[in-house]
């Protein structure tokens, strides 16, 4: 059918809704403030480690000015993405930056793995 008559509505994806109530209960039981504090601590460790390695993340240093997201310029984006993937570290590369997102499911060992990998990377 030509025009808008050929566009049909699909069914919404109900499968994610099945677990959303349990997920929200888990977040509420853990406590949003507690989760935010943990993410801030992890991000603080990451930022300090990157600074020590000679990288200059564009993420604010003050905890109240940042989220669990860190963007770091690297000298060779393709090399950085490959090295991080080899260590099973998921990233979001943009321009010449590696974006790292930390959350409640991460731990200190995850930050140490990230930093160990960054120690092998070329600085910009």
PDB file of N, CA and C in Angstrom:
ATOM      1  N   UNK A   1       0.842  -1.179   0.000  1.00  0.00           N
ATOM      2  CA  UNK A   1       0.000   0.000   0.000  1.00  0.00           C
ATOM      3  C   UNK A   1       0.888   1.244   0.000  1.00  0.00           C
ATOM      4  N   UNK A   2       0.606   2.179  -0.834  1.00  0.00           N
ATOM      5  CA  UNK A   2       1.408   3.406  -0.879  1.00  0.00           C
ATOM      6  C   UNK A   2       1.085   4.331   0.292  1.00  0.00           C
ATOM      7  N   UNK A   3       2.039   5.189   0.597  1.00  0.00           N
ATOM      8  CA  UNK A   3       1.807   6.199   1.625  1.00  0.00           C
ATOM      9  C   UNK A   3       1.743   5.620   3.032  1.00  0.00           C
ATOM     10  N   UNK A   4       1.146   6.386   3.923  1.00  0.00           N
ATOM     11  CA  UNK A   4       1.058   6.015   5.330  1.00  0.00           C
ATOM     12  C   UNK A   4       0.214   4.788   5.596  1.00  0.00           C
ATOM     13  N   UNK A   5      -0.673   4.441   4.680  1.00  0.00           N
ATOM     14  CA  UNK A   5      -1.518   3.271   4.887  1.00  0.00           C
ATOM     15  C   UNK A   5      -0.696   1.994   4.921  1.00  0.00           C
ATOM     16  N   UNK A   6       0.518   2.015   4.364  1.00  0.00           N
ATOM     17  CA  UNK A   6       1.363   0.830   4.354  1.00  0.00           C
ATOM     18  C   UNK A   6       2.171   0.655   5.630  1.00  0.00           C
ATOM     19  N   UNK A   7       2.099   1.607   6.512  1.00  0.00           N
ATOM     20  CA  UNK A   7       2.840   1.523   7.773  1.00  0.00           C
ATOM     21  C   UNK A   7       1.921   0.916   8.823  1.00  0.00           C
ATOM     22  N   UNK A   8       2.371  -0.140   9.423  1.00  0.00           N
ATOM     23  CA  UNK A   8       1.562  -0.810  10.441  1.00  0.00           C
ATOM     24  C   UNK A   8       2.256  -0.694  11.786  1.00  0.00           C
ATOM     25  N   UNK A   9       1.454  -0.642  12.813  1.00  0.00           N
ATOM     26  CA  UNK A   9       1.992  -0.630  14.162  1.00  0.00           C
ATOM     27  C   UNK A   9       2.518  -2.012  14.505  1.00  0.00           C
ATOM     28  N   UNK A  10       3.634  -2.068  15.185  1.00  0.00           N
ATOM     29  CA  UNK A  10       4.159  -3.338  15.673  1.00  0.00           C
ATOM     30  C   UNK A  10       3.766  -3.523  17.128  1.00  0.00           C
ATOM     31  N   UNK A  11       4.158  -4.605  17.667  1.00  0.00           N
ATOM     32  CA  UNK A  11       3.911  -4.884  19.078  1.00  0.00           C
ATOM     33  C   UNK A  11       5.075  -4.342  19.900  1.00  0.00           C
ATOM     34  N   UNK A  12       4.779  -3.717  21.013  1.00  0.00           N
ATOM     35  CA  UNK A  12       5.881  -3.280  21.881  1.00  0.00           C
ATOM     36  C   UNK A  12       6.610  -4.501  22.443  1.00  0.00           C
ATOM     37  N   UNK A  13       7.854  -4.305  22.808  1.00  0.00           N
ATOM     38  CA  UNK A  13       8.661  -5.382  23.375  1.00  0.00           C
ATOM     39  C   UNK A  13       8.342  -5.507  24.865  1.00  0.00           C
ATOM     40  N   UNK A  14       7.554  -6.496  25.220  1.00  0.00           N
ATOM     41  CA  UNK A  14       7.122  -6.676  26.608  1.00  0.00           C
ATOM     42  C   UNK A  14       8.122  -7.473  27.440  1.00  0.00           C
ATOM     43  N   UNK A  15       9.049  -8.157  26.810  1.00  0.00           N
ATOM     44  CA  UNK A  15       9.980  -9.010  27.550  1.00  0.00           C
ATOM     45  C   UNK A  15      10.790  -8.217  28.591  1.00  0.00           C
ATOM     46  N   UNK A  16      11.357  -7.039  28.250  1.00  0.00           N
ATOM     47  CA  UNK A  16      12.104  -6.299  29.281  1.00  0.00           C
ATOM     48  C   UNK A  16      11.232  -5.894  30.471  1.00  0.00           C
ATOM     49  N   UNK A  17       9.951  -5.704  30.244  1.00  0.00           N
ATOM     50  CA  UNK A  17       9.068  -5.322  31.344  1.00  0.00           C
ATOM     51  C   UNK A  17       8.947  -6.421  32.386  1.00  0.00           C
ATOM     52  N   UNK A  18       9.153  -7.662  31.968  1.00  0.00           N
ATOM     53  CA  UNK A  18       9.009  -8.789  32.889  1.00  0.00           C
ATOM     54  C   UNK A  18       9.977  -8.678  34.064  1.00  0.00           C
ATOM     55  N   UNK A  19      11.178  -8.189  33.836  1.00  0.00           N
ATOM     56  CA  UNK A  19      12.160  -8.091  34.907  1.00  0.00           C
ATOM     57  C   UNK A  19      12.298  -6.714  35.511  1.00  0.00           C
ATOM     58  N   UNK A  20      11.610  -5.732  34.966  1.00  0.00           N
ATOM     59  CA  UNK A  20      11.821  -4.359  35.429  1.00  0.00           C
ATOM     60  C   UNK A  20      11.368  -4.141  36.866  1.00  0.00           C
ATOM     61  N   UNK A  21      10.294  -4.771  37.276  1.00  0.00           N
ATOM     62  CA  UNK A  21       9.817  -4.583  38.656  1.00  0.00           C
ATOM     63  C   UNK A  21      10.835  -5.149  39.645  1.00  0.00           C
ATOM     64  N   UNK A  22      11.365  -6.318  39.354  1.00  0.00           N
ATOM     65  CA  UNK A  22      12.384  -6.913  40.226  1.00  0.00           C
ATOM     66  C   UNK A  22      13.641  -6.051  40.247  1.00  0.00           C
ATOM     67  N   UNK A  23      14.014  -5.508  39.087  1.00  0.00           N
ATOM     68  CA  UNK A  23      15.203  -4.661  39.017  1.00  0.00           C
ATOM     69  C   UNK A  23      15.022  -3.388  39.843  1.00  0.00           C
ATOM     70  N   UNK A  24      13.868  -2.773  39.744  1.00  0.00           N
ATOM     71  CA  UNK A  24      13.596  -1.562  40.524  1.00  0.00           C
ATOM     72  C   UNK A  24      13.584  -1.859  42.010  1.00  0.00           C
ATOM     73  N   UNK A  25      13.053  -3.002  42.396  1.00  0.00           N
ATOM     74  CA  UNK A  25      13.067  -3.386  43.812  1.00  0.00           C
ATOM     75  C   UNK A  25      14.505  -3.555  44.305  1.00  0.00           C
ATOM     76  N   UNK A  26      15.343  -4.162  43.478  1.00  0.00           N
ATOM     77  CA  UNK A  26      16.744  -4.344  43.841  1.00  0.00           C
ATOM     78  C   UNK A  26      17.450  -3.001  44.021  1.00  0.00           C
ATOM     79  N   UNK A  27      17.233  -2.087  43.094  1.00  0.00           N
ATOM     80  CA  UNK A  27      17.836  -0.751  43.199  1.00  0.00           C
ATOM     81  C   UNK A  27      17.339  -0.050  44.464  1.00  0.00           C
ATOM     82  N   UNK A  28      16.061  -0.109  44.721  1.00  0.00           N
ATOM     83  CA  UNK A  28      15.521   0.545  45.909  1.00  0.00           C
ATOM     84  C   UNK A  28      16.021  -0.106  47.198  1.00  0.00           C
ATOM     85  N   UNK A  29      16.170  -1.425  47.181  1.00  0.00           N
ATOM     86  CA  UNK A  29      16.677  -2.115  48.373  1.00  0.00           C
ATOM     87  C   UNK A  29      18.134  -1.728  48.626  1.00  0.00           C
ATOM     88  N   UNK A  30      18.929  -1.634  47.562  1.00  0.00           N
ATOM     89  CA  UNK A  30      20.332  -1.230  47.718  1.00  0.00           C
ATOM     90  C   UNK A  30      20.430   0.230  48.133  1.00  0.00           C
ATOM     91  N   UNK A  31      19.523   1.059  47.628  1.00  0.00           N
ATOM     92  CA  UNK A  31      19.512   2.482  47.958  1.00  0.00           C
ATOM     93  C   UNK A  31      20.210   3.307  46.896  1.00  0.00           C
ATOM     94  N   UNK A  32      19.481   4.244  46.331  1.00  0.00           N
ATOM     95  CA  UNK A  32      20.031   5.075  45.263  1.00  0.00           C
ATOM     96  C   UNK A  32      21.231   5.886  45.760  1.00  0.00           C
ATOM     97  N   UNK A  33      21.142   6.429  46.977  1.00  0.00           N
ATOM     98  CA  UNK A  33      22.272   7.199  47.515  1.00  0.00           C
ATOM     99  C   UNK A  33      23.498   6.311  47.709  1.00  0.00           C
ATOM    100  N   UNK A  34      23.278   5.092  48.159  1.00  0.00           N
ATOM    101  CA  UNK A  34      24.384   4.158  48.368  1.00  0.00           C
ATOM    102  C   UNK A  34      25.024   3.784  47.026  1.00  0.00           C
ATOM    103  N   UNK A  35      24.205   3.554  46.020  1.00  0.00           N
ATOM    104  CA  UNK A  35      24.728   3.249  44.687  1.00  0.00           C
ATOM    105  C   UNK A  35      25.528   4.434  44.153  1.00  0.00           C
ATOM    106  N   UNK A  36      24.984   5.630  44.281  1.00  0.00           N
ATOM    107  CA  UNK A  36      25.673   6.834  43.788  1.00  0.00           C
ATOM    108  C   UNK A  36      27.009   7.035  44.499  1.00  0.00           C
ATOM    109  N   UNK A  37      27.050   6.787  45.793  1.00  0.00           N
ATOM    110  CA  UNK A  37      28.297   6.939  46.540  1.00  0.00           C
ATOM    111  C   UNK A  37      29.332   5.918  46.082  1.00  0.00           C
ATOM    112  N   UNK A  38      28.901   4.698  45.832  1.00  0.00           N
ATOM    113  CA  UNK A  38      29.823   3.662  45.380  1.00  0.00           C
ATOM    114  C   UNK A  38      30.381   3.998  43.988  1.00  0.00           C
ATOM    115  N   UNK A  39      29.519   4.463  43.109  1.00  0.00           N
ATOM    116  CA  UNK A  39      29.961   4.845  41.769  1.00  0.00           C
ATOM    117  C   UNK A  39      30.950   6.013  41.860  1.00  0.00           C
ATOM    118  N   UNK A  40      30.674   6.967  42.733  1.00  0.00           N
ATOM    119  CA  UNK A  40      31.583   8.106  42.916  1.00  0.00           C
ATOM    120  C   UNK A  40      32.947   7.635  43.421  1.00  0.00           C
ATOM    121  N   UNK A  41      32.952   6.673  44.346  1.00  0.00           N
ATOM    122  CA  UNK A  41      34.221   6.134  44.856  1.00  0.00           C
ATOM    123  C   UNK A  41      35.007   5.439  43.739  1.00  0.00           C
ATOM    124  N   UNK A  42      34.314   4.597  42.970  1.00  0.00           N
ATOM    125  CA  UNK A  42      34.981   3.897  41.873  1.00  0.00           C
ATOM    126  C   UNK A  42      35.539   4.879  40.844  1.00  0.00           C
ATOM    127  N   UNK A  43      34.751   5.904  40.521  1.00  0.00           N
ATOM    128  CA  UNK A  43      35.196   6.893  39.550  1.00  0.00           C
ATOM    129  C   UNK A  43      36.396   7.664  40.090  1.00  0.00           C
ATOM    130  N   UNK A  44      36.397   7.949  41.379  1.00  0.00           N
ATOM    131  CA  UNK A  44      37.548   8.610  41.998  1.00  0.00           C
ATOM    132  C   UNK A  44      38.814   7.781  41.856  1.00  0.00           C
ATOM    133  N   UNK A  45      38.703   6.458  42.082  1.00  0.00           N
ATOM    134  CA  UNK A  45      39.846   5.565  41.905  1.00  0.00           C
ATOM    135  C   UNK A  45      40.330   5.563  40.458  1.00  0.00           C
ATOM    136  N   UNK A  46      39.390   5.509  39.528  1.00  0.00           N
ATOM    137  CA  UNK A  46      39.735   5.496  38.116  1.00  0.00           C
ATOM    138  C   UNK A  46      40.431   6.790  37.706  1.00  0.00           C
ATOM    139  N   UNK A  47      39.863   7.921  38.091  1.00  0.00           N
ATOM    140  CA  UNK A  47      40.450   9.213  37.721  1.00  0.00           C
ATOM    141  C   UNK A  47      41.853   9.380  38.303  1.00  0.00           C
ATOM    142  N   UNK A  48      42.029   9.012  39.568  1.00  0.00           N
ATOM    143  CA  UNK A  48      43.345   9.126  40.202  1.00  0.00           C
ATOM    144  C   UNK A  48      44.360   8.236  39.493  1.00  0.00           C
ATOM    145  N   UNK A  49      43.943   7.020  39.152  1.00  0.00           N
ATOM    146  CA  UNK A  49      44.839   6.104  38.458  1.00  0.00           C
ATOM    147  C   UNK A  49      45.215   6.593  37.077  1.00  0.00           C
ATOM    148  N   UNK A  50      44.245   7.119  36.345  1.00  0.00           N
ATOM    149  CA  UNK A  50      44.534   7.658  35.011  1.00  0.00           C
ATOM    150  C   UNK A  50      45.467   8.862  35.101  1.00  0.00           C
ATOM    151  N   UNK A  51      45.247   9.711  36.096  1.00  0.00           N
ATOM    152  CA  UNK A  51      46.152  10.848  36.309  1.00  0.00           C
ATOM    153  C   UNK A  51      47.582  10.347  36.571  1.00  0.00           C
ATOM    154  N   UNK A  52      47.702   9.322  37.432  1.00  0.00           N
ATOM    155  CA  UNK A  52      49.019   8.775  37.761  1.00  0.00           C
ATOM    156  C   UNK A  52      49.719   8.205  36.530  1.00  0.00           C
ATOM    157  N   UNK A  53      48.940   7.680  35.576  1.00  0.00           N
ATOM    158  CA  UNK A  53      49.505   7.107  34.361  1.00  0.00           C
ATOM    159  C   UNK A  53      49.829   8.153  33.298  1.00  0.00           C
ATOM    160  N   UNK A  54      49.475   9.412  33.565  1.00  0.00           N
ATOM    161  CA  UNK A  54      49.782  10.479  32.615  1.00  0.00           C
ATOM    162  C   UNK A  54      48.679  10.785  31.619  1.00  0.00           C
ATOM    163  N   UNK A  55      47.499  10.210  31.826  1.00  0.00           N
ATOM    164  CA  UNK A  55      46.360  10.540  30.985  1.00  0.00           C
ATOM    165  C   UNK A  55      45.648  11.744  31.592  1.00  0.00           C
ATOM    166  N   UNK A  56      44.851  12.419  30.792  1.00  0.00           N
ATOM    167  CA  UNK A  56      44.141  13.611  31.260  1.00  0.00           C
ATOM    168  C   UNK A  56      42.650  13.472  30.946  1.00  0.00           C
ATOM    169  N   UNK A  57      41.918  12.720  31.767  1.00  0.00           N
ATOM    170  CA  UNK A  57      40.484  12.565  31.517  1.00  0.00           C
ATOM    171  C   UNK A  57      39.777  13.912  31.510  1.00  0.00           C
ATOM    172  N   UNK A  58      38.785  14.043  30.646  1.00  0.00           N
ATOM    173  CA  UNK A  58      38.037  15.295  30.572  1.00  0.00           C
ATOM    174  C   UNK A  58      36.849  15.287  31.530  1.00  0.00           C
ATOM    175  N   UNK A  59      36.831  14.335  32.423  1.00  0.00           N
ATOM    176  CA  UNK A  59      35.775  14.190  33.416  1.00  0.00           C
ATOM    177  C   UNK A  59      36.066  15.097  34.610  1.00  0.00           C
ATOM    178  N   UNK A  60      35.069  15.810  35.114  1.00  0.00           N
ATOM    179  CA  UNK A  60      35.309  16.646  36.300  1.00  0.00           C
ATOM    180  C   UNK A  60      35.843  15.817  37.469  1.00  0.00           C
ATOM    181  N   UNK A  61      36.735  16.397  38.248  1.00  0.00           N
ATOM    182  CA  UNK A  61      37.316  15.677  39.381  1.00  0.00           C
ATOM    183  C   UNK A  61      36.397  15.715  40.607  1.00  0.00           C
ATOM    184  N   UNK A  62      35.648  16.787  40.770  1.00  0.00           N
ATOM    185  CA  UNK A  62      34.765  16.895  41.942  1.00  0.00           C
ATOM    186  C   UNK A  62      33.592  15.925  41.789  1.00  0.00           C
ATOM    187  N   UNK A  63      33.392  15.071  42.788  1.00  0.00           N
ATOM    188  CA  UNK A  63      32.363  14.020  42.713  1.00  0.00           C
ATOM    189  C   UNK A  63      30.967  14.584  42.456  1.00  0.00           C
ATOM    190  N   UNK A  64      30.663  15.749  43.017  1.00  0.00           N
ATOM    191  CA  UNK A  64      29.313  16.308  42.842  1.00  0.00           C
ATOM    192  C   UNK A  64      29.087  16.880  41.438  1.00  0.00           C
ATOM    193  N   UNK A  65      30.148  16.947  40.624  1.00  0.00           N
ATOM    194  CA  UNK A  65      30.032  17.484  39.266  1.00  0.00           C
ATOM    195  C   UNK A  65      30.070  16.403  38.188  1.00  0.00           C
ATOM    196  N   UNK A  66      30.140  15.142  38.591  1.00  0.00           N
ATOM    197  CA  UNK A  66      30.295  14.096  37.589  1.00  0.00           C
ATOM    198  C   UNK A  66      29.315  12.943  37.833  1.00  0.00           C
ATOM    199  N   UNK A  67      29.226  12.099  36.836  1.00  0.00           N
ATOM    200  CA  UNK A  67      28.454  10.862  36.928  1.00  0.00           C
ATOM    201  C   UNK A  67      29.447   9.704  36.883  1.00  0.00           C
ATOM    202  N   UNK A  68      28.980   8.531  36.568  1.00  0.00           N
ATOM    203  CA  UNK A  68      29.866   7.379  36.469  1.00  0.00           C
ATOM    204  C   UNK A  68      30.454   7.222  35.090  1.00  0.00           C
ATOM    205  N   UNK A  69      30.693   8.333  34.412  1.00  0.00           N
ATOM    206  CA  UNK A  69      31.207   8.307  33.040  1.00  0.00           C
ATOM    207  C   UNK A  69      32.531   9.054  32.989  1.00  0.00           C
ATOM    208  N   UNK A  70      33.507   8.432  32.337  1.00  0.00           N
ATOM    209  CA  UNK A  70      34.826   9.036  32.202  1.00  0.00           C
ATOM    210  C   UNK A  70      35.244   8.969  30.739  1.00  0.00           C
ATOM    211  N   UNK A  71      35.667  10.086  30.181  1.00  0.00           N
ATOM    212  CA  UNK A  71      36.181  10.125  28.810  1.00  0.00           C
ATOM    213  C   UNK A  71      37.663  10.453  28.861  1.00  0.00           C
ATOM    214  N   UNK A  72      38.441   9.634  28.139  1.00  0.00           N
ATOM    215  CA  UNK A  72      39.896   9.757  28.180  1.00  0.00           C
ATOM    216  C   UNK A  72      40.435   9.795  26.755  1.00  0.00           C
ATOM    217  N   UNK A  73      41.217  10.812  26.447  1.00  0.00           N
ATOM    218  CA  UNK A  73      41.860  10.878  25.139  1.00  0.00           C
ATOM    219  C   UNK A  73      43.016   9.884  25.112  1.00  0.00           C
ATOM    220  N   UNK A  74      43.132   9.164  24.002  1.00  0.00           N
ATOM    221  CA  UNK A  74      44.218   8.202  23.830  1.00  0.00           C
ATOM    222  C   UNK A  74      44.971   8.520  22.542  1.00  0.00           C
ATOM    223  N   UNK A  75      46.195   8.054  22.465  1.00  0.00           N
ATOM    224  CA  UNK A  75      47.015   8.345  21.297  1.00  0.00           C
ATOM    225  C   UNK A  75      46.617   7.561  20.060  1.00  0.00           C
ATOM    226  N   UNK A  76      46.151   6.328  20.249  1.00  0.00           N
ATOM    227  CA  UNK A  76      45.766   5.473  19.124  1.00  0.00           C
ATOM    228  C   UNK A  76      44.445   4.810  19.495  1.00  0.00           C
ATOM    229  N   UNK A  77      43.356   5.346  18.970  1.00  0.00           N
ATOM    230  CA  UNK A  77      42.014   4.879  19.340  1.00  0.00           C
ATOM    231  C   UNK A  77      41.817   3.409  18.993  1.00  0.00           C
ATOM    232  N   UNK A  78      42.209   2.991  17.807  1.00  0.00           N
ATOM    233  CA  UNK A  78      42.018   1.596  17.404  1.00  0.00           C
ATOM    234  C   UNK A  78      42.777   0.640  18.322  1.00  0.00           C
ATOM    235  N   UNK A  79      44.012   1.006  18.660  1.00  0.00           N
ATOM    236  CA  UNK A  79      44.814   0.179  19.564  1.00  0.00           C
ATOM    237  C   UNK A  79      44.159   0.104  20.937  1.00  0.00           C
ATOM    238  N   UNK A  80      43.662   1.234  21.417  1.00  0.00           N
ATOM    239  CA  UNK A  80      43.033   1.271  22.740  1.00  0.00           C
ATOM    240  C   UNK A  80      41.779   0.409  22.778  1.00  0.00           C
ATOM    241  N   UNK A  81      40.935   0.528  21.771  1.00  0.00           N
ATOM    242  CA  UNK A  81      39.710  -0.271  21.717  1.00  0.00           C
ATOM    243  C   UNK A  81      40.048  -1.756  21.686  1.00  0.00           C
ATOM    244  N   UNK A  82      41.042  -2.128  20.870  1.00  0.00           N
ATOM    245  CA  UNK A  82      41.433  -3.536  20.765  1.00  0.00           C
ATOM    246  C   UNK A  82      42.009  -4.056  22.078  1.00  0.00           C
ATOM    247  N   UNK A  83      42.872  -3.271  22.714  1.00  0.00           N
ATOM    248  CA  UNK A  83      43.486  -3.703  23.973  1.00  0.00           C
ATOM    249  C   UNK A  83      42.432  -3.859  25.069  1.00  0.00           C
ATOM    250  N   UNK A  84      41.517  -2.908  25.151  1.00  0.00           N
ATOM    251  CA  UNK A  84      40.467  -2.995  26.168  1.00  0.00           C
ATOM    252  C   UNK A  84      39.543  -4.180  25.894  1.00  0.00           C
ATOM    253  N   UNK A  85      39.204  -4.406  24.635  1.00  0.00           N
ATOM    254  CA  UNK A  85      38.338  -5.539  24.281  1.00  0.00           C
ATOM    255  C   UNK A  85      39.019  -6.861  24.622  1.00  0.00           C
ATOM    256  N   UNK A  86      40.333  -6.925  24.408  1.00  0.00           N
ATOM    257  CA  UNK A  86      41.090  -8.137  24.731  1.00  0.00           C
ATOM    258  C   UNK A  86      40.990  -8.467  26.222  1.00  0.00           C
ATOM    259  N   UNK A  87      40.868  -7.437  27.037  1.00  0.00           N
ATOM    260  CA  UNK A  87      40.727  -7.616  28.485  1.00  0.00           C
ATOM    261  C   UNK A  87      39.254  -7.640  28.925  1.00  0.00           C
ATOM    262  N   UNK A  88      38.376  -7.781  27.933  1.00  0.00           N
ATOM    263  CA  UNK A  88      36.928  -7.854  28.183  1.00  0.00           C
ATOM    264  C   UNK A  88      36.394  -6.600  28.881  1.00  0.00           C
ATOM    265  N   UNK A  89      36.918  -5.452  28.462  1.00  0.00           N
ATOM    266  CA  UNK A  89      36.467  -4.168  28.980  1.00  0.00           C
ATOM    267  C   UNK A  89      35.678  -3.487  27.865  1.00  0.00           C
ATOM    268  N   UNK A  90      34.388  -3.336  28.087  1.00  0.00           N
ATOM    269  CA  UNK A  90      33.521  -2.713  27.087  1.00  0.00           C
ATOM    270  C   UNK A  90      33.664  -1.203  27.168  1.00  0.00           C
ATOM    271  N   UNK A  91      33.809  -0.574  26.021  1.00  0.00           N
ATOM    272  CA  UNK A  91      33.983   0.876  25.961  1.00  0.00           C
ATOM    273  C   UNK A  91      33.097   1.452  24.876  1.00  0.00           C
ATOM    274  N   UNK A  92      33.059   2.758  24.845  1.00  0.00           N
ATOM    275  CA  UNK A  92      32.335   3.472  23.800  1.00  0.00           C
ATOM    276  C   UNK A  92      33.291   4.492  23.210  1.00  0.00           C
ATOM    277  N   UNK A  93      33.967   4.154  22.088  1.00  0.00           N
ATOM    278  CA  UNK A  93      34.918   5.103  21.510  1.00  0.00           C
ATOM    279  C   UNK A  93      34.212   6.217  20.750  1.00  0.00           C
ATOM    280  N   UNK A  94      34.658   7.440  20.989  1.00  0.00           N
ATOM    281  CA  UNK A  94      34.127   8.614  20.290  1.00  0.00           C
ATOM    282  C   UNK A  94      35.285   9.545  19.977  1.00  0.00           C
ATOM    283  N   UNK A  95      35.337  10.011  18.730  1.00  0.00           N
ATOM    284  CA  UNK A  95      36.410  10.896  18.291  1.00  0.00           C
ATOM    285  C   UNK A  95      37.737  10.242  18.660  1.00  0.00           C
ATOM    286  N   UNK A  96      38.542  10.862  19.481  1.00  0.00           N
ATOM    287  CA  UNK A  96      39.815  10.273  19.916  1.00  0.00           C
ATOM    288  C   UNK A  96      39.751   9.884  21.396  1.00  0.00           C
ATOM    289  N   UNK A  97      38.541   9.695  21.897  1.00  0.00           N
ATOM    290  CA  UNK A  97      38.338   9.418  23.317  1.00  0.00           C
ATOM    291  C   UNK A  97      37.760   8.028  23.541  1.00  0.00           C
ATOM    292  N   UNK A  98      38.143   7.450  24.661  1.00  0.00           N
ATOM    293  CA  UNK A  98      37.539   6.220  25.156  1.00  0.00           C
ATOM    294  C   UNK A  98      36.595   6.624  26.283  1.00  0.00           C
ATOM    295  N   UNK A  99      35.354   6.183  26.185  1.00  0.00           N
ATOM    296  CA  UNK A  99      34.377   6.463  27.232  1.00  0.00           C
ATOM    297  C   UNK A  99      34.233   5.206  28.089  1.00  0.00           C
ATOM    298  N   UNK A 100      34.408   5.388  29.380  1.00  0.00           N
ATOM    299  CA  UNK A 100      34.281   4.310  30.347  1.00  0.00           C
ATOM    300  C   UNK A 100      33.119   4.634  31.279  1.00  0.00           C
ATOM    301  N   UNK A 101      32.220   3.689  31.440  1.00  0.00           N
ATOM    302  CA  UNK A 101      31.050   3.871  32.311  1.00  0.00           C
ATOM    303  C   UNK A 101      31.132   2.886  33.461  1.00  0.00           C
ATOM    304  N   UNK A 102      31.135   3.401  34.669  1.00  0.00           N
ATOM    305  CA  UNK A 102      31.148   2.548  35.861  1.00  0.00           C
ATOM    306  C   UNK A 102      29.774   2.599  36.526  1.00  0.00           C
ATOM    307  N   UNK A 103      29.395   1.497  37.161  1.00  0.00           N
ATOM    308  CA  UNK A 103      28.117   1.479  37.875  1.00  0.00           C
ATOM    309  C   UNK A 103      28.208   0.549  39.067  1.00  0.00           C
ATOM    310  N   UNK A 104      27.084   0.331  39.705  1.00  0.00           N
ATOM    311  CA  UNK A 104      27.033  -0.423  40.961  1.00  0.00           C
ATOM    312  C   UNK A 104      27.552  -1.848  40.819  1.00  0.00           C
ATOM    313  N   UNK A 105      27.470  -2.425  39.643  1.00  0.00           N
ATOM    314  CA  UNK A 105      27.924  -3.802  39.450  1.00  0.00           C
ATOM    315  C   UNK A 105      29.432  -3.900  39.280  1.00  0.00           C
ATOM    316  N   UNK A 106      30.123  -2.765  39.148  1.00  0.00           N
ATOM    317  CA  UNK A 106      31.578  -2.769  39.044  1.00  0.00           C
ATOM    318  C   UNK A 106      32.200  -2.813  40.431  1.00  0.00           C
ATOM    319  N   UNK A 107      33.480  -3.184  40.478  1.00  0.00           N
ATOM    320  CA  UNK A 107      34.198  -3.236  41.749  1.00  0.00           C
ATOM    321  C   UNK A 107      35.618  -2.707  41.574  1.00  0.00           C
ATOM    322  N   UNK A 108      36.383  -2.693  42.649  1.00  0.00           N
ATOM    323  CA  UNK A 108      37.745  -2.167  42.611  1.00  0.00           C
ATOM    324  C   UNK A 108      38.609  -2.943  41.619  1.00  0.00           C
ATOM    325  N   UNK A 109      38.397  -4.250  41.513  1.00  0.00           N
ATOM    326  CA  UNK A 109      39.183  -5.064  40.595  1.00  0.00           C
ATOM    327  C   UNK A 109      38.916  -4.666  39.137  1.00  0.00           C
ATOM    328  N   UNK A 110      37.679  -4.265  38.834  1.00  0.00           N
ATOM    329  CA  UNK A 110      37.378  -3.779  37.484  1.00  0.00           C
ATOM    330  C   UNK A 110      38.189  -2.530  37.177  1.00  0.00           C
ATOM    331  N   UNK A 111      38.267  -1.624  38.134  1.00  0.00           N
ATOM    332  CA  UNK A 111      39.049  -0.395  37.945  1.00  0.00           C
ATOM    333  C   UNK A 111      40.528  -0.743  37.773  1.00  0.00           C
ATOM    334  N   UNK A 112      41.028  -1.699  38.567  1.00  0.00           N
ATOM    335  CA  UNK A 112      42.430  -2.117  38.443  1.00  0.00           C
ATOM    336  C   UNK A 112      42.702  -2.712  37.062  1.00  0.00           C
ATOM    337  N   UNK A 113      41.763  -3.495  36.514  1.00  0.00           N
ATOM    338  CA  UNK A 113      41.925  -4.063  35.168  1.00  0.00           C
ATOM    339  C   UNK A 113      41.977  -2.960  34.119  1.00  0.00           C
ATOM    340  N   UNK A 114      41.107  -1.972  34.262  1.00  0.00           N
ATOM    341  CA  UNK A 114      41.103  -0.850  33.328  1.00  0.00           C
ATOM    342  C   UNK A 114      42.446  -0.120  33.372  1.00  0.00           C
ATOM    343  N   UNK A 115      42.910   0.160  34.585  1.00  0.00           N
ATOM    344  CA  UNK A 115      44.171   0.892  34.734  1.00  0.00           C
ATOM    345  C   UNK A 115      45.360   0.081  34.222  1.00  0.00           C
ATOM    346  N   UNK A 116      45.363  -1.222  34.457  1.00  0.00           N
ATOM    347  CA  UNK A 116      46.448  -2.067  33.952  1.00  0.00           C
ATOM    348  C   UNK A 116      46.481  -2.025  32.428  1.00  0.00           C
ATOM    349  N   UNK A 117      45.340  -2.008  31.824  1.00  0.00           N
ATOM    350  CA  UNK A 117      45.261  -1.928  30.363  1.00  0.00           C
ATOM    351  C   UNK A 117      45.727  -0.560  29.880  1.00  0.00           C
ATOM    352  N   UNK A 118      45.275   0.496  30.540  1.00  0.00           N
ATOM    353  CA  UNK A 118      45.680   1.849  30.139  1.00  0.00           C
ATOM    354  C   UNK A 118      47.186   2.051  30.309  1.00  0.00           C
ATOM    355  N   UNK A 119      47.809   1.322  31.224  1.00  0.00           N
ATOM    356  CA  UNK A 119      49.259   1.447  31.421  1.00  0.00           C
ATOM    357  C   UNK A 119      50.018   1.014  30.174  1.00  0.00           C
ATOM    358  N   UNK A 120      49.387   0.213  29.308  1.00  0.00           N
ATOM    359  CA  UNK A 120      50.039  -0.260  28.087  1.00  0.00           C
ATOM    360  C   UNK A 120      49.748   0.623  26.876  1.00  0.00           C
ATOM    361  N   UNK A 121      48.862   1.604  27.033  1.00  0.00           N
ATOM    362  CA  UNK A 121      48.429   2.421  25.901  1.00  0.00           C
ATOM    363  C   UNK A 121      49.306   3.646  25.704  1.00  0.00           C
ATOM    364  N   UNK A 122      49.329   4.103  24.474  1.00  0.00           N
ATOM    365  CA  UNK A 122      50.049   5.331  24.127  1.00  0.00           C
ATOM    366  C   UNK A 122      49.227   6.535  24.535  1.00  0.00           C
ATOM    367  N   UNK A 123      49.879   7.469  25.178  1.00  0.00           N
ATOM    368  CA  UNK A 123      49.206   8.719  25.576  1.00  0.00           C
ATOM    369  C   UNK A 123      49.100   9.637  24.356  1.00  0.00           C
ATOM    370  N   UNK A 124      48.151  10.566  24.381  1.00  0.00           N
ATOM    371  CA  UNK A 124      48.011  11.477  23.225  1.00  0.00           C
ATOM    372  C   UNK A 124      49.201  12.403  23.085  1.00  0.00           C
TER     373      UNK A 124
END
